[in-house]
C-alpha atoms as a PDB file:
ATOM      1  CA  MET A   1      23.744  21.327   1.544  1.00  0.00           C
ATOM      2  CA  PRO A   2      25.190  22.111  -2.376  1.00  0.00           C
ATOM      3  CA  ASN A   3      26.817  18.430  -3.697  1.00  0.00           C
ATOM      4  CA  GLU A   4      23.735  16.607  -1.426  1.00  0.00           C
ATOM      5  CA  ARG A   5      22.443  13.429  -3.463  1.00  0.00           C
ATOM      6  CA  HIS A   6      18.965  12.537  -3.337  1.00  0.00           C
ATOM      7  CA  ILE A   7      18.256   9.206  -3.869  1.00  0.00           C
ATOM      8  CA  LEU A   8      14.704   7.899  -4.471  1.00  0.00           C
ATOM      9  CA  LEU A   9      13.655   3.630  -2.862  1.00  0.00           C
ATOM     10  CA  LEU A  10      11.422   2.409  -4.418  1.00  0.00           C
ATOM     11  CA  PRO A  11       9.522  -1.087  -2.992  1.00  0.00           C
ATOM     12  CA  GLY A  12       8.338  -3.119  -5.145  1.00  0.00           C
ATOM     13  CA  SER A  13       6.537  -4.762  -2.267  1.00  0.00           C
ATOM     14  CA  LEU A  14       2.466  -3.615  -1.495  1.00  0.00           C
ATOM     15  CA  ARG A  15       2.788  -5.625   1.784  1.00  0.00           C
ATOM     16  CA  ALA A  16       3.187  -4.049   4.631  1.00  0.00           C
ATOM     17  CA  GLY A  17       5.787  -4.957   7.019  1.00  0.00           C
ATOM     18  CA  SER A  18       7.899  -6.754   4.139  1.00  0.00           C
ATOM     19  CA  ALA A  19      11.339  -7.783   4.602  1.00  0.00           C
ATOM     20  CA  ASN A  20      11.677  -5.851   0.711  1.00  0.00           C
ATOM     21  CA  GLU A  21      10.264  -2.625   2.822  1.00  0.00           C
ATOM     22  CA  ALA A  22      12.651  -2.969   6.056  1.00  0.00           C
ATOM     23  CA  VAL A  23      15.529  -3.435   3.189  1.00  0.00           C
ATOM     24  CA  LEU A  24      14.440   0.227   2.373  1.00  0.00           C
ATOM     25  CA  ARG A  25      13.821   1.998   5.650  1.00  0.00           C
ATOM     26  CA  THR A  26      16.879   1.023   6.438  1.00  0.00           C
ATOM     27  CA  ALA A  27      18.525   2.068   3.903  1.00  0.00           C
ATOM     28  CA  ALA A  28      16.762   5.407   4.463  1.00  0.00           C
ATOM     29  CA  ALA A  29      18.494   4.678   8.322  1.00  0.00           C
ATOM     30  CA  VAL A  30      21.966   4.383   7.155  1.00  0.00           C
ATOM     31  CA  ALA A  31      21.171   7.260   4.626  1.00  0.00           C
ATOM     32  CA  GLY A  32      21.480   9.737   7.602  1.00  0.00           C
ATOM     33  CA  SER A  33      24.297   8.756   8.842  1.00  0.00           C
ATOM     34  CA  LEU A  34      26.239   9.074   5.291  1.00  0.00           C
ATOM     35  CA  PRO A  35      27.515  13.307   4.758  1.00  0.00           C
ATOM     36  CA  GLY A  36      25.835  14.424   1.551  1.00  0.00           C
ATOM     37  CA  LEU A  37      22.950  12.198   1.133  1.00  0.00           C
ATOM     38  CA  ARG A  38      19.403  12.068   1.118  1.00  0.00           C
ATOM     39  CA  THR A  39      16.762   9.279   0.925  1.00  0.00           C
ATOM     40  CA  THR A  40      12.804   9.666  -0.578  1.00  0.00           C
ATOM     41  CA  TYR A  41      10.193   6.635   0.090  1.00  0.00           C
ATOM     42  CA  TYR A  42       7.833   6.536  -2.310  1.00  0.00           C
ATOM     43  CA  SER A  43       4.603   5.125  -0.816  1.00  0.00           C
ATOM     44  CA  GLY A  44       2.631   5.530  -3.132  1.00  0.00           C
ATOM     45  CA  LEU A  45       2.847   2.461  -4.502  1.00  0.00           C
ATOM     46  CA  ALA A  46      -0.596   0.690  -3.997  1.00  0.00           C
ATOM     47  CA  GLY A  47      -2.561   4.038  -6.000  1.00  0.00           C
ATOM     48  CA  LEU A  48      -1.303   4.120  -9.049  1.00  0.00           C
ATOM     49  CA  PRO A  49      -3.728   3.348 -11.806  1.00  0.00           C
ATOM     50  CA  HIS A  50      -3.309   0.092 -13.983  1.00  0.00           C
ATOM     51  CA  PHE A  51      -1.220   0.925 -16.988  1.00  0.00           C
ATOM     52  CA  ASP A  52      -2.837   1.922 -19.542  1.00  0.00           C
ATOM     53  CA  PRO A  53      -1.028   4.036 -23.171  1.00  0.00           C
ATOM     54  CA  ASP A  54      -4.354   5.577 -23.478  1.00  0.00           C
ATOM     55  CA  LEU A  55      -3.772   7.770 -20.238  1.00  0.00           C
ATOM     56  CA  ASP A  56       0.200   8.214 -20.723  1.00  0.00           C
ATOM     57  CA  THR A  57      -0.894  11.725 -22.259  1.00  0.00           C
ATOM     58  CA  ASP A  58      -0.907  15.111 -20.571  1.00  0.00           C
ATOM     59  CA  PRO A  59      -2.411  15.321 -18.107  1.00  0.00           C
ATOM     60  CA  LEU A  60      -1.397  12.694 -16.392  1.00  0.00           C
ATOM     61  CA  PRO A  61      -3.359  11.311 -13.972  1.00  0.00           C
ATOM     62  CA  GLY A  62      -2.055  12.131 -10.443  1.00  0.00           C
ATOM     63  CA  PRO A  63       0.011   8.916  -8.942  1.00  0.00           C
ATOM     64  CA  VAL A  64       1.673   8.920 -11.668  1.00  0.00           C
ATOM     65  CA  ALA A  65       2.367  12.467 -12.162  1.00  0.00           C
ATOM     66  CA  GLY A  66       3.677  12.052  -8.877  1.00  0.00           C
ATOM     67  CA  LEU A  67       5.551   8.854  -9.547  1.00  0.00           C
ATOM     68  CA  ARG A  68       7.586  10.633 -12.486  1.00  0.00           C
ATOM     69  CA  ALA A  69       7.740  14.304  -9.973  1.00  0.00           C
ATOM     70  CA  ALA A  70       9.788  11.585  -7.371  1.00  0.00           C
ATOM     71  CA  ILE A  71      11.330  10.253 -10.008  1.00  0.00           C
ATOM     72  CA  GLU A  72      12.675  13.581 -11.148  1.00  0.00           C
ATOM     73  CA  ALA A  73      13.507  15.123  -8.269  1.00  0.00           C
ATOM     74  CA  ALA A  74      15.824  12.479  -7.311  1.00  0.00           C
ATOM     75  CA  ASP A  75      19.902  12.259  -8.677  1.00  0.00           C
ATOM     76  CA  ALA A  76      19.287   8.132  -8.696  1.00  0.00           C
ATOM     77  CA  LEU A  77      17.298   5.399  -8.123  1.00  0.00           C
ATOM     78  CA  LEU A  78      17.121   1.416  -5.473  1.00  0.00           C
ATOM     79  CA  VAL A  79      14.890  -0.953  -6.009  1.00  0.00           C
ATOM     80  CA  CYS A  80      14.096  -3.336  -3.615  1.00  0.00           C
ATOM     81  CA  THR A  81      11.018  -5.689  -4.855  1.00  0.00           C
ATOM     82  CA  PRO A  82      10.566 -10.031  -4.619  1.00  0.00           C
ATOM     83  CA  GLU A  83      10.318 -12.644  -6.810  1.00  0.00           C
ATOM     84  CA  TYR A  84       6.480 -13.690  -7.571  1.00  0.00           C
ATOM     85  CA  ALA A  85       6.091 -16.226 -10.071  1.00  0.00           C
ATOM     86  CA  GLY A  86       9.779 -15.741 -11.203  1.00  0.00           C
ATOM     87  CA  THR A  87       9.234 -12.502 -11.978  1.00  0.00           C
ATOM     88  CA  LEU A  88       8.763  -9.002 -10.607  1.00  0.00           C
ATOM     89  CA  PRO A  89       4.948  -8.424  -9.281  1.00  0.00           C
ATOM     90  CA  GLY A  90       2.570  -7.499 -11.175  1.00  0.00           C
ATOM     91  CA  SER A  91       2.019  -3.977  -9.435  1.00  0.00           C
ATOM     92  CA  PHE A  92       5.538  -3.114  -9.359  1.00  0.00           C
ATOM     93  CA  LYS A  93       6.552  -4.094 -13.110  1.00  0.00           C
ATOM     94  CA  ASN A  94       2.808  -1.335 -13.265  1.00  0.00           C
ATOM     95  CA  LEU A  95       4.489   1.084 -11.844  1.00  0.00           C
ATOM     96  CA  LEU A  96       7.862   0.576 -14.459  1.00  0.00           C
ATOM     97  CA  ASP A  97       5.063   0.779 -16.661  1.00  0.00           C
ATOM     98  CA  TRP A  98       4.025   4.233 -16.261  1.00  0.00           C
ATOM     99  CA  THR A  99       7.800   5.485 -15.901  1.00  0.00           C
ATOM    100  CA  VAL A 100       8.850   4.137 -19.828  1.00  0.00           C
ATOM    101  CA  GLY A 101       6.430   7.032 -22.050  1.00  0.00           C
ATOM    102  CA  GLY A 102       8.955   9.371 -19.641  1.00  0.00           C
ATOM    103  CA  VAL A 103      12.033  11.507 -19.967  1.00  0.00           C
ATOM    104  CA  GLU A 104      12.403  11.624 -15.992  1.00  0.00           C
ATOM    105  CA  ILE A 105      14.423   7.434 -15.252  1.00  0.00           C
ATOM    106  CA  ALA A 106      16.428   8.083 -18.720  1.00  0.00           C
ATOM    107  CA  ASP A 107      20.556   7.971 -17.738  1.00  0.00           C
ATOM    108  CA  LYS A 108      18.820   7.955 -13.875  1.00  0.00           C
ATOM    109  CA  PRO A 109      21.703   5.428 -12.187  1.00  0.00           C
ATOM    110  CA  ALA A 110      20.111   2.404 -10.391  1.00  0.00           C
ATOM    111  CA  GLY A 111      20.866  -0.263  -8.376  1.00  0.00           C
ATOM    112  CA  TRP A 112      18.835  -3.091  -6.059  1.00  0.00           C
ATOM    113  CA  ILE A 113      18.946  -4.758  -3.512  1.00  0.00           C
ATOM    114  CA  ASN A 114      17.336  -8.240  -3.234  1.00  0.00           C
ATOM    115  CA  CYS A 115      16.859  -9.709   0.131  1.00  0.00           C
ATOM    116  CA  ALA A 116      15.191 -13.206  -0.204  1.00  0.00           C
ATOM    117  CA  ALA A 117      16.590 -16.499   0.211  1.00  0.00           C
ATOM    118  CA  PRO A 118      20.001 -18.186  -1.344  1.00  0.00           C
ATOM    119  CA  ASN A 119      19.158 -19.448  -4.926  1.00  0.00           C
ATOM    120  CA  ARG A 120      15.495 -16.861  -5.661  1.00  0.00           C
ATOM    121  CA  GLY A 121      14.437 -13.830  -7.058  1.00  0.00           C
ATOM    122  CA  HIS A 122      16.876 -14.107 -10.029  1.00  0.00           C
ATOM    123  CA  GLY A 123      13.686 -13.823 -12.140  1.00  0.00           C
ATOM    124  CA  ALA A 124      12.922 -10.562 -10.554  1.00  0.00           C
ATOM    125  CA  GLU A 125      16.455  -9.369 -11.249  1.00  0.00           C
ATOM    126  CA  ALA A 126      16.648 -10.719 -14.864  1.00  0.00           C
ATOM    127  CA  THR A 127      12.900  -8.583 -14.852  1.00  0.00           C
ATOM    128  CA  LEU A 128      13.553  -6.243 -13.462  1.00  0.00           C
ATOM    129  CA  ARG A 129      17.090  -5.198 -15.819  1.00  0.00           C
ATOM    130  CA  THR A 130      15.347  -5.742 -18.936  1.00  0.00           C
ATOM    131  CA  VAL A 131      13.401  -2.914 -18.093  1.00  0.00           C
ATOM    132  CA  LEU A 132      14.743  -0.221 -16.358  1.00  0.00           C
ATOM    133  CA  GLY A 133      16.610  -1.079 -19.788  1.00  0.00           C
ATOM    134  CA  TYR A 134      14.051  -0.336 -21.897  1.00  0.00           C
ATOM    135  CA  THR A 135      13.206   2.740 -19.233  1.00  0.00           C
ATOM    136  CA  GLY A 136      16.864   4.240 -20.412  1.00  0.00           C
ATOM    137  CA  ALA A 137      17.709   3.832 -16.680  1.00  0.00           C
ATOM    138  CA  ALA A 138      21.733   3.384 -15.915  1.00  0.00           C
ATOM    139  CA  VAL A 139      22.375   0.889 -14.336  1.00  0.00           C
ATOM    140  CA  LEU A 140      25.042   0.607 -11.738  1.00  0.00           C
ATOM    141  CA  ASP A 141      25.663  -3.499 -11.405  1.00  0.00           C
ATOM    142  CA  GLY A 142      28.333  -2.762  -8.471  1.00  0.00           C
ATOM    143  CA  ALA A 143      25.191  -1.252  -7.078  1.00  0.00           C
ATOM    144  CA  CYS A 144      22.934  -4.575  -8.668  1.00  0.00           C
ATOM    145  CA  VAL A 145      23.375  -7.062  -4.703  1.00  0.00           C
ATOM    146  CA  ARG A 146      21.888  -9.384  -3.466  1.00  0.00           C
ATOM    147  CA  ILE A 147      21.544  -9.159   0.638  1.00  0.00           C
ATOM    148  CA  PRO A 148      19.272 -12.623   1.406  1.00  0.00           C
ATOM    149  CA  LEU A 149      17.750 -11.298   4.938  1.00  0.00           C
ATOM    150  CA  GLU A 150      16.228 -13.929   7.406  1.00  0.00           C
ATOM    151  CA  ARG A 151      12.556 -12.534   9.432  1.00  0.00           C
ATOM    152  CA  GLY A 152      14.126 -12.306  12.451  1.00  0.00           C
ATOM    153  CA  ALA A 153      16.494 -10.096  11.074  1.00  0.00           C
ATOM    154  CA  ILE A 154      13.754  -7.609  11.448  1.00  0.00           C
ATOM    155  CA  GLY A 155      13.336  -5.876  14.105  1.00  0.00           C
ATOM    156  CA  PRO A 156      10.327  -4.189  16.007  1.00  0.00           C
ATOM    157  CA  ASP A 157      11.506  -1.630  14.486  1.00  0.00           C
ATOM    158  CA  GLY A 158      11.514  -2.683  10.913  1.00  0.00           C
ATOM    159  CA  LEU A 159      14.689  -1.792  10.815  1.00  0.00           C
ATOM    160  CA  VAL A 160      17.666  -4.379  10.055  1.00  0.00           C
ATOM    161  CA  ALA A 161      20.109  -3.916  12.796  1.00  0.00           C
ATOM    162  CA  ASP A 162      23.147  -6.493  11.558  1.00  0.00           C
ATOM    163  CA  PRO A 163      25.667  -3.849  11.389  1.00  0.00           C
ATOM    164  CA  LEU A 164      27.453  -6.428   8.669  1.00  0.00           C
ATOM    165  CA  VAL A 165      23.720  -5.599   6.633  1.00  0.00           C
ATOM    166  CA  ARG A 166      23.542  -2.453   6.943  1.00  0.00           C
ATOM    167  CA  GLY A 167      27.051  -1.532   5.965  1.00  0.00           C
ATOM    168  CA  ARG A 168      25.978  -3.583   3.032  1.00  0.00           C
ATOM    169  CA  ILE A 169      23.101  -1.550   2.427  1.00  0.00           C
ATOM    170  CA  GLY A 170      25.501   1.882   2.963  1.00  0.00           C
ATOM    171  CA  GLU A 171      27.830   1.032   0.039  1.00  0.00           C
ATOM    172  CA  VAL A 172      24.737   0.221  -2.079  1.00  0.00           C
ATOM    173  CA  LEU A 173      23.503   4.337  -1.489  1.00  0.00           C
ATOM    174  CA  THR A 174      26.956   5.114  -2.035  1.00  0.00           C
ATOM    175  CA  ARG A 175      27.615   3.423  -5.182  1.00  0.00           C
ATOM    176  CA  LEU A 176      24.102   5.287  -6.853  1.00  0.00           C
ATOM    177  CA  ALA A 177      25.270   8.620  -5.175  1.00  0.00           C
ATOM    178  CA  ALA A 178      28.914   8.349  -6.817  1.00  0.00           C
ATOM    179  CA  GLY A 179      26.772   7.189  -9.802  1.00  0.00           C
END
């Protein structure tokens, strides 16, 4: 499909079955019903080495090269990350640190879904906006939304079935695809 848009889904949590993972897996399911849109779920977060500027040279460590290739192949990025201690989880900040030395993320449309309970997650959002600014990503305000998600909203299949939530996720995907 010549006009197909590809969105890379970046989870910020290492926890299997997290609400953040459920949101992104639901985004992948929703994208399947949107014409001209496809997604890839990045699953390499746990395998990234600790950021070390001395290793940020060619040849890059394999997992870092894979991350950068996934970003390069995407037209846009969608993040869903928890907040730990008022900021991004260290593992996800590490992922972002590995993108600073590359050019793959520059000018790439980016957004996020914050699925934290009301009045939570603001620190992660602020840090994410700052770090994405350093990477040169084009943060789309209309694709940065809060969709609080209760644990019970996640079905046994790991997806969110609520049509209102799925509709809002679809809106974010559409905004990112329009970039």
